[in-house]
């Protein structure tokens, strides 16, 4: 994710910063723990950070935003080693932005001025584990000491529209005076038409297609390149001019992390675009790494995973000059024992050469659902003096790979509730814990009924074809809710039928509703007009003496 620096800024930085040639690593990095974090449980793996005018904003919170923050976007206010979150607002002409996790982000604009500087946001996961295929443009409208206002616009595309996905990247390239966005990689769910019990909970790699998106005309075109054999997810991409470099990434099909370094070159003549790919040596086999830019030509690669159970603690400097790339190992920070020994970690680029890193709390702590955060600064002491001159020019969403490790896929082992601490007391719009929807009831690890016995810590496959999560069925009552197939006493044959066919299913609690829907409505009987009574014939009158004679003979 590369955003060019303006020439005036380059001239200032060239005087303030030392020249970095090829194969030269950065100065020693510094790691600082954030001692106090208000509402830290909202910052979960997969969150994203935006940098507008040297101010860092967060979105992708845990749960759906309600009255506490209708936009789900917060200003991260870091003062005196304390991090506070202040809700921001959207303009009246803005659309709704879900709190997406693992989306693709990049900047669009020539500089960081609020009226031109924008972020492109595509894809990602919602708190209900649905995937998004929408594209949003986020720009800063107004910022004061008390209130920040954004504009969020949804963009419509035609042509080869990318399917819903997460863990992918999007970049902007410039060629022959024109610009286009390039989208690649990611992960998606098994299509409904192919979903069976064997694939009920599984995700698949997206096809290794390269999408060129022209936002000016609202069209998208896909390209298949023979050099790209896998739809890599959670890779790193860095763009400069008309070239994109793709590094690392995880392939579900092969369960490998690519050691290749791919160079995508996009030529934008007057006619059709030309897309070529070259495989270069010197790649790094890593997934979920974080990249931050520290100068016009220099980037730092931090974190990630070598394998499902091994974090990557090494750091690398990436230098781009004259259509060349060089990756060298650099001196990393002094990692704390907590970071070294934790199994998972996550984070995101803050801009200006800084990264926000998080590790989960342990059960031994007083607050087991809390996350602990560090700020990693990738610049040396001399560069810190010129840090305020740097604008945000690179944004790469990267965090713990939700699919790299079977017991930790989708990071749903961290189902924490929001903290009761309010946001800044000075803010009129404060956070209310009751407004926060518990994500533990919107994912696979839920209590779906009174007799639910699914435990995330002790769950084992119940059906012979289950993979790494309990099979689920959507109950069609009301707006619908997910229930465990095991808790509903479904046979594997019935589960297979429901997963293959697009039919309505009602859980045990709402089965009466199903019967009510199937029962035909009572039809009112039509009123029939009354028939005319038959006219009675007059009886013959007998004399009194004759009646007495008749009665006497009757009783004799």
Protein backbone atom coordinates (compact mmCIF):
# COMPACT_ATOMS: atom_id res chain seq x y z
CA UNK A 1 0.00 0.00 0.00
CA UNK A 2 2.06 2.93 -1.22
CA UNK A 3 1.12 6.57 -1.40
CA UNK A 4 3.60 8.96 -3.09
CA UNK A 5 5.13 11.72 -1.03
CA UNK A 6 4.81 15.22 -2.41
CA UNK A 7 8.02 16.78 -3.86
CA UNK A 8 8.03 19.56 -1.29
CA UNK A 9 7.93 17.03 1.52
CA UNK A 10 10.68 14.97 -0.06
CA UNK A 11 12.98 18.01 -0.15
CA UNK A 12 12.36 18.68 3.53
CA UNK A 13 12.90 15.06 4.50
CA UNK A 14 16.06 14.77 2.45
CA UNK A 15 17.61 17.39 4.70
CA UNK A 16 16.20 15.98 7.92
CA UNK A 17 16.78 12.29 7.28
CA UNK A 18 19.98 10.47 6.30
CA UNK A 19 20.09 8.85 2.90
CA UNK A 20 19.22 5.16 2.85
CA UNK A 21 20.79 3.27 0.01
CA UNK A 22 20.10 -0.24 -1.10
CA UNK A 23 20.82 -3.00 1.40
CA UNK A 24 20.98 -0.55 4.30
CA UNK A 25 18.91 -1.49 7.35
CA UNK A 26 17.12 0.92 9.64
CA UNK A 27 18.37 2.05 13.01
CA UNK A 28 17.42 0.05 16.05
CA UNK A 29 13.70 -0.07 16.69
CA UNK A 30 12.07 0.84 19.98
CA UNK A 31 9.19 -0.92 21.73
CA UNK A 32 6.98 0.84 24.25
CA UNK A 33 4.11 -0.68 26.17
CA UNK A 34 0.87 1.28 26.38
CA UNK A 35 0.20 1.19 30.10
CA UNK A 36 -3.49 2.13 30.06
CA UNK A 37 -5.95 1.30 27.32
CA UNK A 38 -9.60 2.22 27.78
CA UNK A 39 -12.05 -0.28 26.26
CA UNK A 40 -9.20 -2.41 24.98
CA UNK A 41 -11.49 -5.39 24.35
CA UNK A 42 -12.90 -3.53 21.34
CA UNK A 43 -9.51 -3.86 19.62
CA UNK A 44 -9.57 -7.44 18.42
CA UNK A 45 -7.53 -9.26 15.73
CA UNK A 46 -8.45 -7.97 12.30
CA UNK A 47 -8.94 -4.30 13.23
CA UNK A 48 -7.81 -1.52 10.90
CA UNK A 49 -6.15 1.84 11.43
CA UNK A 50 -6.53 4.97 9.28
CA UNK A 51 -4.22 7.97 9.43
CA UNK A 52 -5.64 11.38 8.54
CA UNK A 53 -3.48 14.45 9.09
CA UNK A 54 -1.28 12.60 11.64
CA UNK A 55 -4.32 11.44 13.60
CA UNK A 56 -4.93 7.70 13.90
CA UNK A 57 -8.45 6.30 13.66
CA UNK A 58 -9.65 2.78 14.40
CA UNK A 59 -12.50 0.69 13.02
CA UNK A 60 -13.43 -2.99 13.05
CA UNK A 61 -14.62 -3.11 16.66
CA UNK A 62 -16.01 -6.14 18.44
CA UNK A 63 -19.77 -6.31 17.96
CA UNK A 64 -22.14 -3.99 16.16
CA UNK A 65 -21.99 -0.28 17.01
CA UNK A 66 -25.19 1.18 18.39
CA UNK A 67 -25.93 4.32 20.35
CA UNK A 68 -22.42 4.40 21.83
CA UNK A 69 -20.89 5.02 18.40
CA UNK A 70 -23.19 4.65 15.39
CA UNK A 71 -20.26 4.82 12.98
CA UNK A 72 -18.03 2.25 14.65
CA UNK A 73 -15.01 4.50 13.97
CA UNK A 74 -12.92 5.88 16.83
CA UNK A 75 -10.08 8.34 17.25
CA UNK A 76 -7.12 6.78 19.07
CA UNK A 77 -5.90 9.47 21.43
CA UNK A 78 -2.49 8.55 22.83
CA UNK A 79 -1.19 10.92 25.49
CA UNK A 80 1.28 10.25 28.30
CA UNK A 81 1.40 6.56 27.43
CA UNK A 82 -2.38 6.26 27.77
CA UNK A 83 -4.65 5.28 24.90
CA UNK A 84 -8.22 6.54 24.82
CA UNK A 85 -10.90 5.96 22.18
CA UNK A 86 -13.20 8.79 21.11
CA UNK A 87 -16.19 8.07 18.84
CA UNK A 88 -16.35 9.98 15.55
CA UNK A 89 -19.31 10.92 13.38
CA UNK A 90 -20.40 10.56 9.75
CA UNK A 91 -21.84 13.27 7.53
CA UNK A 92 -25.54 13.13 6.65
CA UNK A 93 -24.82 11.92 3.11
CA UNK A 94 -22.73 8.97 4.36
CA UNK A 95 -23.70 5.32 4.09
CA UNK A 96 -23.49 2.75 6.88
CA UNK A 97 -20.08 1.12 7.37
CA UNK A 98 -20.10 -2.25 9.17
CA UNK A 99 -17.25 -2.90 11.66
CA UNK A 100 -15.33 -4.99 9.13
CA UNK A 101 -12.34 -7.12 10.07
CA UNK A 102 -9.53 -8.16 7.76
CA UNK A 103 -10.57 -5.83 4.92
CA UNK A 104 -8.22 -4.50 2.25
CA UNK A 105 -7.14 -0.87 2.71
CA UNK A 106 -5.15 1.63 0.70
CA UNK A 107 -4.93 5.37 0.27
CA UNK A 108 -6.14 7.32 -2.73
CA UNK A 109 -4.99 10.90 -3.25
CA UNK A 110 -1.93 12.96 -3.99
CA UNK A 111 -1.42 14.19 -0.44
CA UNK A 112 -2.90 14.12 3.03
CA UNK A 113 -5.21 17.11 2.64
CA UNK A 114 -8.62 16.29 4.07
CA UNK A 115 -10.58 17.27 0.96
CA UNK A 116 -8.60 14.96 -1.34
CA UNK A 117 -7.05 12.27 0.85
CA UNK A 118 -9.20 9.14 0.93
CA UNK A 119 -9.05 5.53 2.00
CA UNK A 120 -10.40 2.69 -0.11
CA UNK A 121 -11.97 -0.11 1.97
CA UNK A 122 -12.97 -3.39 0.35
CA UNK A 123 -14.28 -6.69 1.70
CA UNK A 124 -13.77 -7.98 5.21
CA UNK A 125 -15.76 -9.91 7.80
CA UNK A 126 -18.76 -8.64 9.72
CA UNK A 127 -19.27 -9.60 13.39
CA UNK A 128 -21.76 -12.24 12.17
CA UNK A 129 -18.97 -13.85 10.12
CA UNK A 130 -20.59 -12.77 6.86
CA UNK A 131 -18.25 -11.56 4.14
CA UNK A 132 -18.57 -8.23 2.39
CA UNK A 133 -18.05 -7.55 -1.31
CA UNK A 134 -18.67 -3.81 -1.04
CA UNK A 135 -16.21 -0.98 -1.67
CA UNK A 136 -16.25 2.17 0.47
CA UNK A 137 -14.46 5.51 0.15
CA UNK A 138 -13.62 7.17 3.48
CA UNK A 139 -12.61 10.83 3.68
CA UNK A 140 -12.24 13.35 6.50
CA UNK A 141 -14.78 16.17 6.32
CA UNK A 142 -14.12 18.13 9.49
CA UNK A 143 -12.08 17.79 12.68
CA UNK A 144 -12.16 19.90 15.81
CA UNK A 145 -10.96 19.28 19.34
CA UNK A 146 -14.39 17.92 20.27
CA UNK A 147 -15.76 16.34 17.11
CA UNK A 148 -14.47 14.51 14.04
CA UNK A 149 -16.70 14.00 10.99
CA UNK A 150 -16.08 11.54 8.16
CA UNK A 151 -17.81 10.93 4.87
CA UNK A 152 -18.29 7.30 3.86
CA UNK A 153 -19.52 6.58 0.32
CA UNK A 154 -20.27 3.16 -1.18
CA UNK A 155 -19.03 2.62 -4.74
CA UNK A 156 -20.82 0.48 -7.31
CA UNK A 157 -18.82 -1.53 -9.85
CA UNK A 158 -19.61 -3.28 -13.10
CA UNK A 159 -17.80 -5.96 -15.07
CA UNK A 160 -15.76 -8.64 -13.29
CA UNK A 161 -16.75 -7.68 -9.75
CA UNK A 162 -14.55 -9.41 -7.09
CA UNK A 163 -16.41 -11.84 -4.85
CA UNK A 164 -16.72 -11.23 -1.13
CA UNK A 165 -13.44 -11.98 0.64
CA UNK A 166 -11.09 -11.11 3.49
CA UNK A 167 -7.33 -11.23 4.08
CA UNK A 168 -6.55 -9.65 0.68
CA UNK A 169 -4.86 -6.42 -0.44
CA UNK A 170 -5.68 -3.46 -2.65
CA UNK A 171 -3.19 -0.94 -4.07
CA UNK A 172 -3.17 2.07 -6.40
CA UNK A 173 -0.79 2.18 -9.38
CA UNK A 174 0.11 5.13 -11.64
CA UNK A 175 1.06 4.75 -15.29
CA UNK A 176 1.10 7.20 -18.23
CA UNK A 177 -0.77 9.82 -16.25
CA UNK A 178 -3.58 7.43 -15.26
CA UNK A 179 -4.36 5.57 -12.05
CA UNK A 180 -6.03 2.27 -11.26
CA UNK A 181 -6.59 0.12 -8.21
CA UNK A 182 -5.32 -3.46 -8.11
CA UNK A 183 -6.92 -6.13 -5.92
CA UNK A 184 -5.46 -9.58 -5.30
CA UNK A 185 -5.71 -12.63 -3.05
CA UNK A 186 -7.87 -13.34 -0.08
CA UNK A 187 -10.06 -16.03 1.33
CA UNK A 188 -13.77 -16.76 1.06
CA UNK A 189 -16.37 -19.25 2.22
CA UNK A 190 -17.35 -22.30 0.20
CA UNK A 191 -20.11 -21.27 -2.25
CA UNK A 192 -23.64 -22.26 -1.21
CA UNK A 193 -24.07 -24.46 -4.27
CA UNK A 194 -21.02 -26.51 -3.20
CA UNK A 195 -21.70 -26.51 0.54
CA UNK A 196 -22.04 -29.90 2.20
CA UNK A 197 -21.33 -31.13 5.70
CA UNK A 198 -17.72 -31.65 4.69
CA UNK A 199 -17.45 -28.02 3.62
CA UNK A 200 -20.02 -26.50 5.94
CA UNK A 201 -17.55 -24.48 8.01
CA UNK A 202 -14.59 -24.37 5.66
CA UNK A 203 -13.07 -21.43 3.84
CA UNK A 204 -11.27 -21.61 0.52
CA UNK A 205 -8.62 -19.60 -1.25
CA UNK A 206 -9.96 -17.16 -3.78
CA UNK A 207 -8.89 -17.73 -7.36
CA UNK A 208 -5.48 -16.19 -8.17
CA UNK A 209 -7.08 -13.47 -10.28
CA UNK A 210 -5.73 -9.93 -10.48
CA UNK A 211 -8.52 -7.32 -10.58
CA UNK A 212 -7.98 -3.90 -12.14
CA UNK A 213 -10.55 -1.40 -10.88
CA UNK A 214 -11.20 1.94 -12.59
CA UNK A 215 -13.20 3.99 -10.09
CA UNK A 216 -13.60 6.86 -12.55
CA UNK A 217 -15.77 4.73 -14.84
CA UNK A 218 -16.88 2.21 -12.20
CA UNK A 219 -15.66 -0.88 -14.06
CA UNK A 220 -13.54 -3.86 -13.08
CA UNK A 221 -11.56 -6.37 -15.15
CA UNK A 222 -9.95 -9.61 -13.98
CA UNK A 223 -6.72 -11.16 -15.28
CA UNK A 224 -5.37 -14.70 -14.91
CA UNK A 225 -1.56 -14.84 -14.89
CA UNK A 226 0.26 -18.20 -15.19
CA UNK A 227 2.90 -17.16 -12.65
CA UNK A 228 0.26 -16.81 -9.91
CA UNK A 229 -0.90 -20.32 -9.05
CA UNK A 230 -2.44 -19.68 -5.61
CA UNK A 231 -4.86 -17.10 -4.29
CA UNK A 232 -2.60 -16.09 -1.42
CA UNK A 233 -4.25 -14.68 1.68
CA UNK A 234 -2.70 -12.49 4.37
CA UNK A 235 0.20 -11.54 2.13
CA UNK A 236 2.02 -8.21 1.98
CA UNK A 237 1.80 -5.91 -1.03
CA UNK A 238 3.80 -2.73 -1.67
CA UNK A 239 3.11 -0.43 -4.63
CA UNK A 240 5.35 2.13 -6.28
CA UNK A 241 4.47 3.90 -9.54
CA UNK A 242 3.26 1.17 -11.94
CA UNK A 243 4.62 -1.82 -9.99
CA UNK A 244 3.29 -3.92 -7.11
CA UNK A 245 5.42 -6.36 -5.11
CA UNK A 246 3.62 -9.30 -3.44
CA UNK A 247 5.42 -11.02 -0.58
CA UNK A 248 4.50 -14.11 1.43
CA UNK A 249 0.93 -15.22 2.02
CA UNK A 250 -0.76 -18.46 3.02
CA UNK A 251 -2.30 -21.06 0.71
CA UNK A 252 -5.01 -23.25 2.23
CA UNK A 253 -4.91 -25.75 -0.61
CA UNK A 254 -1.22 -26.53 -0.08
CA UNK A 255 -0.99 -25.38 3.56
CA UNK A 256 2.17 -23.46 2.67
CA UNK A 257 3.46 -19.93 2.91
CA UNK A 258 4.82 -18.80 -0.40
CA UNK A 259 8.60 -18.18 -0.48
CA UNK A 260 8.25 -16.33 -3.80
CA UNK A 261 8.41 -12.62 -4.45
CA UNK A 262 6.05 -11.55 -7.22
CA UNK A 263 6.42 -8.39 -9.28
CA UNK A 264 3.23 -7.15 -10.95
CA UNK A 265 3.71 -4.47 -13.60
CA UNK A 266 0.65 -2.62 -14.87
CA UNK A 267 0.90 -0.57 -18.06
CA UNK A 268 -2.01 1.79 -18.76
CA UNK A 269 -1.87 2.88 -22.42
CA UNK A 270 -4.79 4.44 -24.28
CA UNK A 271 -6.14 0.99 -25.10
CA UNK A 272 -6.48 -2.06 -22.91
CA UNK A 273 -4.21 -2.32 -19.84
CA UNK A 274 -1.26 -4.72 -19.94
CA UNK A 275 -0.58 -6.80 -16.78
CA UNK A 276 2.58 -8.87 -16.45
CA UNK A 277 4.00 -10.88 -13.55
CA UNK A 278 7.60 -11.84 -12.78
CA UNK A 279 8.78 -14.22 -10.07
CA UNK A 280 11.83 -12.81 -8.25
CA UNK A 281 14.22 -14.50 -5.82
CA UNK A 282 14.65 -13.36 -2.23
CA UNK A 283 11.10 -13.75 -0.92
CA UNK A 284 10.10 -14.53 2.67
CA UNK A 285 7.85 -17.42 3.68
CA UNK A 286 5.53 -15.56 6.05
CA UNK A 287 1.87 -14.73 6.50
CA UNK A 288 0.06 -11.96 8.38
CA UNK A 289 3.12 -9.71 8.51
CA UNK A 290 2.76 -5.94 9.00
CA UNK A 291 4.46 -3.38 6.79
CA UNK A 292 5.05 0.29 7.56
CA UNK A 293 6.78 2.97 5.49
CA UNK A 294 9.53 5.08 7.03
CA UNK A 295 10.75 7.04 4.00
CA UNK A 296 10.01 7.56 0.33
CA UNK A 297 11.74 4.34 -0.69
CA UNK A 298 12.06 2.38 2.55
CA UNK A 299 9.64 0.05 4.32
CA UNK A 300 9.88 -2.19 7.39
CA UNK A 301 8.35 -5.67 7.60
CA UNK A 302 7.41 -6.85 11.11
CA UNK A 303 5.72 -9.86 12.67
CA UNK A 304 3.69 -12.59 11.04
CA UNK A 305 3.91 -16.37 11.20
CA UNK A 306 6.38 -18.89 9.81
CA UNK A 307 3.96 -21.74 10.47
CA UNK A 308 0.72 -22.47 12.30
CA UNK A 309 2.47 -22.50 15.67
CA UNK A 310 5.56 -20.33 15.13
CA UNK A 311 5.59 -16.55 15.21
CA UNK A 312 8.12 -14.65 13.16
CA UNK A 313 10.07 -12.32 15.44
CA UNK A 314 12.58 -11.19 12.81
CA UNK A 315 12.26 -7.82 11.04
CA UNK A 316 13.25 -6.81 7.51
CA UNK A 317 13.94 -3.61 5.65
CA UNK A 318 12.51 -3.34 2.12
CA UNK A 319 14.07 -0.76 -0.19
CA UNK A 320 12.52 0.23 -3.53
CA UNK A 321 14.65 2.23 -5.94
CA UNK A 322 14.68 2.47 -9.75
CA UNK A 323 12.23 -0.41 -10.29
CA UNK A 324 14.35 -2.62 -8.04
CA UNK A 325 13.59 -4.19 -4.69
CA UNK A 326 15.96 -5.42 -2.02
CA UNK A 327 15.03 -7.10 1.24
CA UNK A 328 17.55 -7.29 4.07
CA UNK A 329 17.24 -8.39 7.68
CA UNK A 330 17.29 -5.52 10.13
CA UNK A 331 17.89 -5.19 13.86
CA UNK A 332 14.60 -5.75 15.61
CA UNK A 333 13.47 -4.40 18.97
CA UNK A 334 14.09 -6.04 22.31
CA UNK A 335 10.97 -8.17 22.48
CA UNK A 336 9.45 -8.53 25.94
CA UNK A 337 9.04 -12.01 27.50
CA UNK A 338 5.25 -11.71 27.13
CA UNK A 339 5.57 -11.19 23.39
CA UNK A 340 8.14 -13.96 23.01
CA UNK A 341 6.07 -16.56 24.82
CA UNK A 342 2.57 -15.70 23.57
CA UNK A 343 1.26 -17.95 20.83
CA UNK A 344 -0.65 -15.32 18.88
CA UNK A 345 -0.29 -11.62 18.26
CA UNK A 346 -1.93 -9.06 16.02
CA UNK A 347 -1.57 -5.45 15.00
CA UNK A 348 -1.73 -2.81 12.30
CA UNK A 349 0.29 0.02 10.77
CA UNK A 350 -0.26 3.40 12.46
CA UNK A 351 1.63 5.36 9.82
CA UNK A 352 4.84 7.39 10.17
CA UNK A 353 6.86 4.23 10.80
CA UNK A 354 4.89 3.10 13.86
CA UNK A 355 2.95 -0.12 14.46
CA UNK A 356 0.35 -0.94 17.12
CA UNK A 357 0.89 -4.51 18.36
CA UNK A 358 -1.46 -6.47 20.61
CA UNK A 359 -1.20 -9.73 22.54
CA UNK A 360 -4.04 -11.52 24.37
CA UNK A 361 -4.23 -11.50 28.14
CA UNK A 362 -3.71 -14.72 30.09
CA UNK A 363 -6.16 -16.45 32.38
CA UNK A 364 -3.91 -15.67 35.33
CA UNK A 365 -4.52 -11.97 34.98
CA UNK A 366 -7.23 -10.14 36.89
CA UNK A 367 -8.93 -9.21 33.63
CA UNK A 368 -8.56 -12.30 31.40
CA UNK A 369 -10.43 -10.72 28.48
CA UNK A 370 -8.06 -7.77 28.21
CA UNK A 371 -5.52 -7.31 25.44
CA UNK A 372 -2.13 -5.73 26.02
CA UNK A 373 -0.72 -3.30 23.49
CA UNK A 374 2.68 -2.03 22.44
CA UNK A 375 3.78 0.70 20.05
CA UNK A 376 6.71 -0.33 17.87
CA UNK A 377 8.63 2.60 16.38
CA UNK A 378 10.75 1.59 13.42
CA UNK A 379 12.80 4.80 13.20
CA UNK A 380 16.02 5.75 14.93
CA UNK A 381 16.47 8.63 17.34
CA UNK A 382 17.60 11.04 14.60
CA UNK A 383 14.59 10.24 12.48
CA UNK A 384 12.19 10.82 15.36
CA UNK A 385 12.94 14.56 15.09
CA UNK A 386 11.60 14.62 11.55
CA UNK A 387 8.76 12.21 12.24
CA UNK A 388 6.19 14.98 12.55
CA UNK A 389 6.91 15.97 8.95
CA UNK A 390 5.96 12.59 7.57
CA UNK A 391 2.48 12.05 6.19
CA UNK A 392 0.62 8.79 6.19
CA UNK A 393 1.68 7.06 3.00
CA UNK A 394 1.26 3.38 3.63
CA UNK A 395 -1.56 1.43 5.20
CA UNK A 396 -1.49 -2.35 5.33
CA UNK A 397 -4.14 -4.20 7.33
CA UNK A 398 -2.47 -7.23 8.74
CA UNK A 399 -3.05 -9.18 11.85
CA UNK A 400 -3.19 -12.66 13.13
CA UNK A 401 -4.06 -15.00 10.29
CA UNK A 402 -7.45 -16.44 11.24
CA UNK A 403 -7.00 -19.52 9.13
CA UNK A 404 -3.35 -20.38 9.62
CA UNK A 405 -3.87 -22.43 12.76
CA UNK A 406 -6.70 -24.91 13.10
CA UNK A 407 -7.48 -24.32 16.80
CA UNK A 408 -7.21 -20.57 16.33
CA UNK A 409 -8.94 -20.09 12.98
CA UNK A 410 -10.82 -16.81 12.58
CA UNK A 411 -9.48 -15.68 15.96
CA UNK A 412 -12.75 -16.71 17.56
CA UNK A 413 -10.96 -18.01 20.61
CA UNK A 414 -11.02 -14.39 21.76
CA UNK A 415 -14.71 -13.79 22.45
CA UNK A 416 -14.48 -11.00 24.98
CA UNK A 417 -17.17 -8.65 26.21
CA UNK A 418 -16.67 -4.90 26.04
CA UNK A 419 -15.30 -3.18 29.09
CA UNK A 420 -17.55 -1.07 31.24
CA UNK A 421 -15.17 1.88 31.21
CA UNK A 422 -16.62 4.85 29.39
CA UNK A 423 -14.84 6.86 26.75
CA UNK A 424 -13.52 10.33 27.50
CA UNK A 425 -15.67 11.97 30.13
CA UNK A 426 -15.55 15.19 28.12
CA UNK A 427 -17.37 13.57 25.22
CA UNK A 428 -21.11 14.00 25.10
CA UNK A 429 -21.49 10.64 23.39
CA UNK A 430 -20.16 8.01 25.76
CA UNK A 431 -19.83 4.28 25.54
CA UNK A 432 -22.43 2.09 27.18
CA UNK A 433 -21.70 -1.60 27.66
CA UNK A 434 -25.40 -2.45 27.30
CA UNK A 435 -25.30 -1.04 23.78
CA UNK A 436 -22.65 -3.52 22.74
CA UNK A 437 -23.82 -6.74 21.18
CA UNK A 438 -21.91 -9.75 22.41
CA UNK A 439 -20.10 -11.33 19.48
CA UNK A 440 -20.03 -14.64 21.31
CA UNK A 441 -23.69 -14.94 20.34
CA UNK A 442 -23.13 -14.15 16.68
CA UNK A 443 -20.38 -16.60 15.79
CA UNK A 444 -19.85 -20.33 15.92
CA UNK A 445 -19.05 -20.36 19.61
CA UNK A 446 -22.51 -19.49 20.89
CA UNK A 447 -25.10 -20.78 23.30
CA UNK A 448 -27.82 -21.55 20.80
CA UNK A 449 -30.42 -23.03 23.16
CA UNK A 450 -31.03 -23.84 26.81
CA UNK A 451 -29.53 -27.31 26.41
CA UNK A 452 -26.54 -26.21 24.30
CA UNK A 453 -23.43 -28.18 25.27
CA UNK A 454 -20.91 -26.80 22.78
CA UNK A 455 -17.79 -25.64 24.63
CA UNK A 456 -15.01 -23.91 22.70
CA UNK A 457 -12.38 -25.33 25.05
CA UNK A 458 -13.51 -28.94 24.91
CA UNK A 459 -15.32 -29.22 21.57
CA UNK A 460 -14.62 -32.32 19.53
CA UNK A 461 -16.14 -33.27 16.15
CA UNK A 462 -19.62 -34.75 16.53
CA UNK A 463 -20.31 -35.52 12.88
CA UNK A 464 -17.82 -37.64 10.97
CA UNK A 465 -17.39 -34.97 8.33
CA UNK A 466 -16.93 -31.94 10.59
CA UNK A 467 -13.67 -30.05 10.27
CA UNK A 468 -12.62 -27.58 12.92
CA UNK A 469 -15.91 -26.02 13.98
CA UNK A 470 -19.33 -27.32 14.97
CA UNK A 471 -21.77 -27.51 12.08
CA UNK A 472 -24.47 -24.85 12.16
CA UNK A 473 -27.93 -24.38 10.66
CA UNK A 474 -29.73 -21.06 10.20
CA UNK A 475 -33.16 -20.97 11.81
CA UNK A 476 -35.59 -19.04 9.63
CA UNK A 477 -37.61 -17.53 12.47
CA UNK A 478 -37.78 -13.76 12.34
CA UNK A 479 -34.49 -12.31 11.16
CA UNK A 480 -32.87 -15.73 11.55
CA UNK A 481 -30.29 -17.01 13.98
CA UNK A 482 -27.63 -19.74 13.94
CA UNK A 483 -28.00 -22.93 15.95
CA UNK A 484 -25.71 -25.92 16.36
CA UNK A 485 -26.81 -28.95 14.37
CA UNK A 486 -25.63 -31.19 17.21
CA UNK A 487 -27.80 -29.41 19.77
CA UNK A 488 -30.82 -29.74 17.48
CA UNK A 489 -30.33 -33.56 17.35
CA UNK A 490 -29.97 -33.56 13.59
CA UNK A 491 -28.76 -36.72 11.93
CA UNK A 492 -25.87 -36.43 9.54
CA UNK A 493 -28.20 -37.32 6.67
CA UNK A 494 -30.55 -34.49 7.62
CA UNK A 495 -27.63 -32.08 8.04
CA UNK A 496 -26.41 -33.00 4.59
CA UNK A 497 -29.86 -32.42 3.14
CA UNK A 498 -30.25 -29.02 4.78
CA UNK A 499 -26.78 -27.89 3.74
CA UNK A 500 -27.30 -28.91 0.11
CA UNK A 501 -30.83 -27.63 -0.34
CA UNK A 502 -31.92 -24.04 0.06
CA UNK A 503 -34.83 -24.83 2.37
CA UNK A 504 -36.17 -23.20 5.48
CA UNK A 505 -35.27 -24.81 8.78
CA UNK A 506 -36.72 -24.10 12.21
CA UNK A 507 -34.94 -25.00 15.44
CA UNK A 508 -36.62 -26.85 18.28
CA UNK A 509 -37.67 -23.61 19.92
CA UNK A 510 -39.38 -22.30 16.81
CA UNK A 511 -40.70 -25.56 15.36
CA UNK A 512 -44.25 -24.53 16.33
CA UNK A 513 -43.82 -21.49 14.14
CA UNK A 514 -42.91 -23.80 11.30
CA UNK A 515 -46.07 -25.82 11.85
CA UNK A 516 -48.09 -22.63 11.95
CA UNK A 517 -46.68 -21.56 8.62
CA UNK A 518 -47.47 -24.93 7.06
CA UNK A 519 -51.01 -25.15 8.44
CA UNK A 520 -53.49 -23.90 5.81
CA UNK A 521 -55.59 -20.97 6.84
CA UNK A 522 -59.18 -21.66 7.82
CA UNK A 523 -61.63 -20.79 5.08
CA UNK A 524 -64.90 -19.09 6.03
CA UNK A 525 -67.95 -21.03 4.94
CA UNK A 526 -70.25 -19.31 2.46
CA UNK A 527 -73.73 -18.57 3.77
CA UNK A 528 -76.46 -20.49 1.90
CA UNK A 529 -79.88 -18.91 1.39
CA UNK A 530 -82.63 -20.69 3.41
CA UNK A 531 -84.97 -22.96 1.48
CA UNK A 532 -88.72 -22.27 1.47
CA UNK A 533 -90.61 -24.65 3.84
CA UNK A 534 -93.09 -27.09 2.31
CA UNK A 535 -96.74 -26.14 2.68
CA UNK A 536 -98.49 -28.43 5.19
CA UNK A 537 -101.63 -30.22 4.09
CA UNK A 538 -104.68 -29.62 6.20
CA UNK A 539 -105.77 -32.66 8.25
CA UNK A 540 -109.30 -34.02 7.97
CA UNK A 541 -111.53 -33.06 10.83
CA UNK A 542 -113.39 -36.01 12.42
CA UNK A 543 -116.49 -35.70 14.51
CA UNK A 544 -116.06 -36.05 18.28
CA UNK A 545 -117.93 -39.36 18.47
CA UNK A 546 -115.68 -40.85 15.81
CA UNK A 547 -112.52 -39.75 17.74
CA UNK A 548 -113.75 -41.43 20.92
CA UNK A 549 -114.51 -44.63 19.01
CA UNK A 550 -111.00 -44.61 17.48
CA UNK A 551 -109.27 -44.13 20.81
CA UNK A 552 -111.29 -46.85 22.46
CA UNK A 553 -110.29 -49.41 19.83
CA UNK A 554 -106.61 -48.23 20.10
CA UNK A 555 -106.31 -48.99 23.84
CA UNK A 556 -108.40 -52.17 23.94
